[in-house]
């Protein structure tokens, strides 16, 4: 299997295509972000990387709050639109007919169409170059109730989540296994079953 050498670039994929909301429910903005992820467990920490020239950048920097809203295949058009249009020129939330609800731990609003929303408070800003990284603590989570089972487990695989890869959007597909499946021992058959008896 041959490989070629490429110059350094942002070729990590797939990534989540999320809608980040900021401001207040009365004066909100949404922008599309792919540079995001989890960076710590206790406390739960995440980040978003934003270009300083983006309309949302000074809003997030001033308020110190934002919400990461996961997106689904049904939200593909709205997600793309919020990434290529600026809140300086229009109300993108109204244009995309997105419904906002209040955050529980932050002033930034939550997108109701999103199956899962992470409410975040900025703890540090790193100026990296083209983008500045907002490192934030996840202070609250709002999840769509229909994806919770009777045992309280969140089943986001049912939500039709969307991913981003090098300028293209994809629907997440077939399940391949559970965490740890490669080393999990198979249940041993009882001695009666080994003997062919019931």
Protein backbone atom coordinates (compact mmCIF):
# COMPACT_ATOMS: atom_id res chain seq x y z
CA UNK A 1 0.00 0.00 0.00
CA UNK A 2 1.78 3.15 -1.19
CA UNK A 3 1.43 6.59 0.38
CA UNK A 4 2.35 10.08 -0.77
CA UNK A 5 3.65 12.97 1.34
CA UNK A 6 1.48 16.08 1.55
CA UNK A 7 2.24 19.50 2.97
CA UNK A 8 0.90 20.20 6.50
CA UNK A 9 -2.79 21.03 6.53
CA UNK A 10 -6.11 20.63 8.35
CA UNK A 11 -6.82 17.16 7.03
CA UNK A 12 -8.23 15.58 10.19
CA UNK A 13 -11.66 14.09 9.42
CA UNK A 14 -14.47 13.50 10.02
CA UNK A 15 -15.40 16.32 12.36
CA UNK A 16 -18.74 17.37 13.84
CA UNK A 17 -20.59 20.09 11.96
CA UNK A 18 -22.14 22.06 14.81
CA UNK A 19 -24.14 25.25 15.11
CA UNK A 20 -22.75 27.50 17.84
CA UNK A 21 -25.16 30.03 19.30
CA UNK A 22 -24.11 33.12 21.22
CA UNK A 23 -25.53 36.37 22.53
CA UNK A 24 -28.97 36.29 24.14
CA UNK A 25 -32.31 34.86 23.07
CA UNK A 26 -33.42 38.40 22.17
CA UNK A 27 -30.25 39.16 20.19
CA UNK A 28 -28.73 35.87 19.12
CA UNK A 29 -26.38 34.72 16.39
CA UNK A 30 -25.45 31.30 15.07
CA UNK A 31 -22.30 30.24 13.27
CA UNK A 32 -21.18 26.91 11.88
CA UNK A 33 -18.09 25.36 13.45
CA UNK A 34 -16.16 22.20 12.60
CA UNK A 35 -13.06 22.92 14.70
CA UNK A 36 -14.44 21.59 17.98
CA UNK A 37 -14.07 18.61 20.29
CA UNK A 38 -13.77 17.32 23.85
CA UNK A 39 -10.53 18.07 25.70
CA UNK A 40 -11.19 16.97 29.30
CA UNK A 41 -13.52 14.77 31.34
CA UNK A 42 -13.49 16.18 34.88
CA UNK A 43 -14.49 18.95 34.64
CA UNK A 44 -16.08 18.42 31.22
CA UNK A 45 -14.23 20.73 28.84
CA UNK A 46 -14.57 21.52 25.16
CA UNK A 47 -13.33 24.11 22.68
CA UNK A 48 -14.28 25.96 19.54
CA UNK A 49 -11.80 27.68 17.22
CA UNK A 50 -13.12 30.88 15.63
CA UNK A 51 -11.60 33.39 13.24
CA UNK A 52 -11.42 36.83 14.93
CA UNK A 53 -13.11 38.44 11.92
CA UNK A 54 -16.27 36.37 12.38
CA UNK A 55 -19.30 38.32 13.63
CA UNK A 56 -19.72 35.95 16.58
CA UNK A 57 -16.13 36.29 17.79
CA UNK A 58 -16.50 39.56 19.79
CA UNK A 59 -19.88 38.38 21.13
CA UNK A 60 -18.37 35.19 22.57
CA UNK A 61 -15.29 37.04 23.82
CA UNK A 62 -17.40 39.68 25.59
CA UNK A 63 -20.05 37.38 27.09
CA UNK A 64 -17.77 34.41 27.78
CA UNK A 65 -20.58 32.02 26.85
CA UNK A 66 -21.79 29.95 23.92
CA UNK A 67 -23.80 26.82 23.14
CA UNK A 68 -22.65 23.96 20.89
CA UNK A 69 -25.71 22.53 19.12
CA UNK A 70 -25.23 19.18 17.39
CA UNK A 71 -26.75 18.98 13.92
CA UNK A 72 -28.60 16.30 11.98
CA UNK A 73 -29.03 15.42 8.31
CA UNK A 74 -32.35 17.29 8.40
CA UNK A 75 -30.43 20.45 9.41
CA UNK A 76 -27.80 20.26 6.64
CA UNK A 77 -29.02 23.26 4.64
CA UNK A 78 -29.36 25.48 7.72
CA UNK A 79 -25.95 24.40 8.99
CA UNK A 80 -24.26 25.25 5.72
CA UNK A 81 -26.11 28.58 5.42
CA UNK A 82 -24.96 29.71 8.87
CA UNK A 83 -21.39 28.96 7.81
CA UNK A 84 -21.38 30.98 4.60
CA UNK A 85 -23.50 33.97 5.62
CA UNK A 86 -22.70 36.60 8.27
CA UNK A 87 -24.85 37.76 11.15
CA UNK A 88 -23.66 41.28 10.32
CA UNK A 89 -25.84 41.23 7.22
CA UNK A 90 -28.96 39.37 8.36
CA UNK A 91 -30.67 37.48 11.13
CA UNK A 92 -29.56 33.98 10.17
CA UNK A 93 -31.69 32.33 12.84
CA UNK A 94 -34.88 33.89 11.46
CA UNK A 95 -33.81 33.21 7.87
CA UNK A 96 -33.27 29.51 8.66
CA UNK A 97 -36.45 29.32 10.76
CA UNK A 98 -34.50 27.98 13.74
CA UNK A 99 -36.33 27.96 17.06
CA UNK A 100 -34.51 29.20 20.15
CA UNK A 101 -35.06 28.32 23.79
CA UNK A 102 -33.29 29.68 26.83
CA UNK A 103 -30.13 28.09 28.16
CA UNK A 104 -30.25 26.74 31.71
CA UNK A 105 -26.75 27.77 32.81
CA UNK A 106 -25.82 30.41 30.21
CA UNK A 107 -27.47 33.43 28.61
CA UNK A 108 -26.73 32.10 25.13
CA UNK A 109 -29.77 30.38 23.58
CA UNK A 110 -30.25 26.73 22.59
CA UNK A 111 -31.47 25.60 19.16
CA UNK A 112 -34.60 23.53 19.68
CA UNK A 113 -34.10 21.50 16.49
CA UNK A 114 -30.75 20.22 17.79
CA UNK A 115 -30.89 16.78 19.45
CA UNK A 116 -28.19 17.77 21.95
CA UNK A 117 -26.91 21.16 23.10
CA UNK A 118 -23.86 21.80 25.27
CA UNK A 119 -23.95 25.00 27.31
CA UNK A 120 -20.43 26.37 27.71
CA UNK A 121 -18.58 29.02 29.70
CA UNK A 122 -15.22 30.25 28.40
CA UNK A 123 -12.28 29.61 30.72
CA UNK A 124 -9.38 30.59 28.44
CA UNK A 125 -8.70 32.04 24.99
CA UNK A 126 -5.65 30.95 23.01
CA UNK A 127 -4.62 33.09 20.04
CA UNK A 128 -3.19 30.45 17.71
CA UNK A 129 -2.98 32.26 14.36
CA UNK A 130 -5.82 32.22 11.84
CA UNK A 131 -8.15 31.03 14.63
CA UNK A 132 -8.48 31.76 18.32
CA UNK A 133 -9.44 28.84 20.54
CA UNK A 134 -12.13 29.35 23.16
CA UNK A 135 -11.49 26.70 25.82
CA UNK A 136 -14.68 26.25 27.81
CA UNK A 137 -16.30 24.24 30.57
CA UNK A 138 -19.54 22.44 29.74
CA UNK A 139 -21.90 23.73 32.42
CA UNK A 140 -25.17 22.25 31.20
CA UNK A 141 -26.63 19.86 28.62
CA UNK A 142 -30.04 19.85 26.99
CA UNK A 143 -31.00 16.62 25.22
CA UNK A 144 -34.08 15.73 23.21
CA UNK A 145 -36.19 13.49 25.41
CA UNK A 146 -37.12 11.00 22.69
CA UNK A 147 -33.49 9.84 22.48
CA UNK A 148 -33.42 8.82 26.16
CA UNK A 149 -34.30 5.20 26.93
CA UNK A 150 -35.99 3.78 30.04
CA UNK A 151 -32.59 3.31 31.72
CA UNK A 152 -31.62 6.95 31.22
CA UNK A 153 -29.14 6.24 28.42
CA UNK A 154 -28.82 8.78 25.63
CA UNK A 155 -29.10 7.11 22.22
CA UNK A 156 -27.76 9.75 19.84
CA UNK A 157 -27.20 7.11 17.14
CA UNK A 158 -30.93 7.46 16.49
CA UNK A 159 -30.69 11.20 15.84
CA UNK A 160 -29.20 11.09 12.32
CA UNK A 161 -26.17 13.17 13.28
CA UNK A 162 -24.15 14.94 10.61
CA UNK A 163 -20.37 15.05 10.11
CA UNK A 164 -18.02 17.27 8.10
CA UNK A 165 -15.07 16.14 6.01
CA UNK A 166 -12.95 18.46 3.85
CA UNK A 167 -15.75 20.75 2.69
CA UNK A 168 -18.46 18.09 2.50
CA UNK A 169 -21.27 17.05 4.84
CA UNK A 170 -22.06 13.39 5.58
CA UNK A 171 -24.74 11.50 7.46
CA UNK A 172 -23.29 9.22 10.10
CA UNK A 173 -24.01 5.64 9.15
CA UNK A 174 -23.67 2.02 10.19
CA UNK A 175 -22.63 1.06 13.72
CA UNK A 176 -19.38 -0.96 13.77
CA UNK A 177 -19.10 -1.84 17.46
CA UNK A 178 -19.17 -0.59 21.04
CA UNK A 179 -16.23 0.88 22.95
CA UNK A 180 -14.03 -2.05 24.08
CA UNK A 181 -15.64 -4.64 21.80
CA UNK A 182 -12.23 -5.72 20.44
CA UNK A 183 -11.09 -7.05 23.82
CA UNK A 184 -14.40 -8.09 25.34
CA UNK A 185 -14.60 -11.78 26.19
CA UNK A 186 -17.49 -13.73 24.71
CA UNK A 187 -19.90 -15.26 27.18
CA UNK A 188 -19.06 -18.90 27.76
CA UNK A 189 -21.68 -21.50 26.92
CA UNK A 190 -23.02 -23.45 29.91
CA UNK A 191 -21.85 -27.06 30.25
CA UNK A 192 -25.34 -28.33 29.45
CA UNK A 193 -25.45 -26.43 26.16
CA UNK A 194 -21.94 -27.68 25.29
CA UNK A 195 -23.27 -31.22 25.63
CA UNK A 196 -26.15 -30.44 23.32
CA UNK A 197 -28.71 -30.58 26.15
CA UNK A 198 -31.25 -27.93 26.96
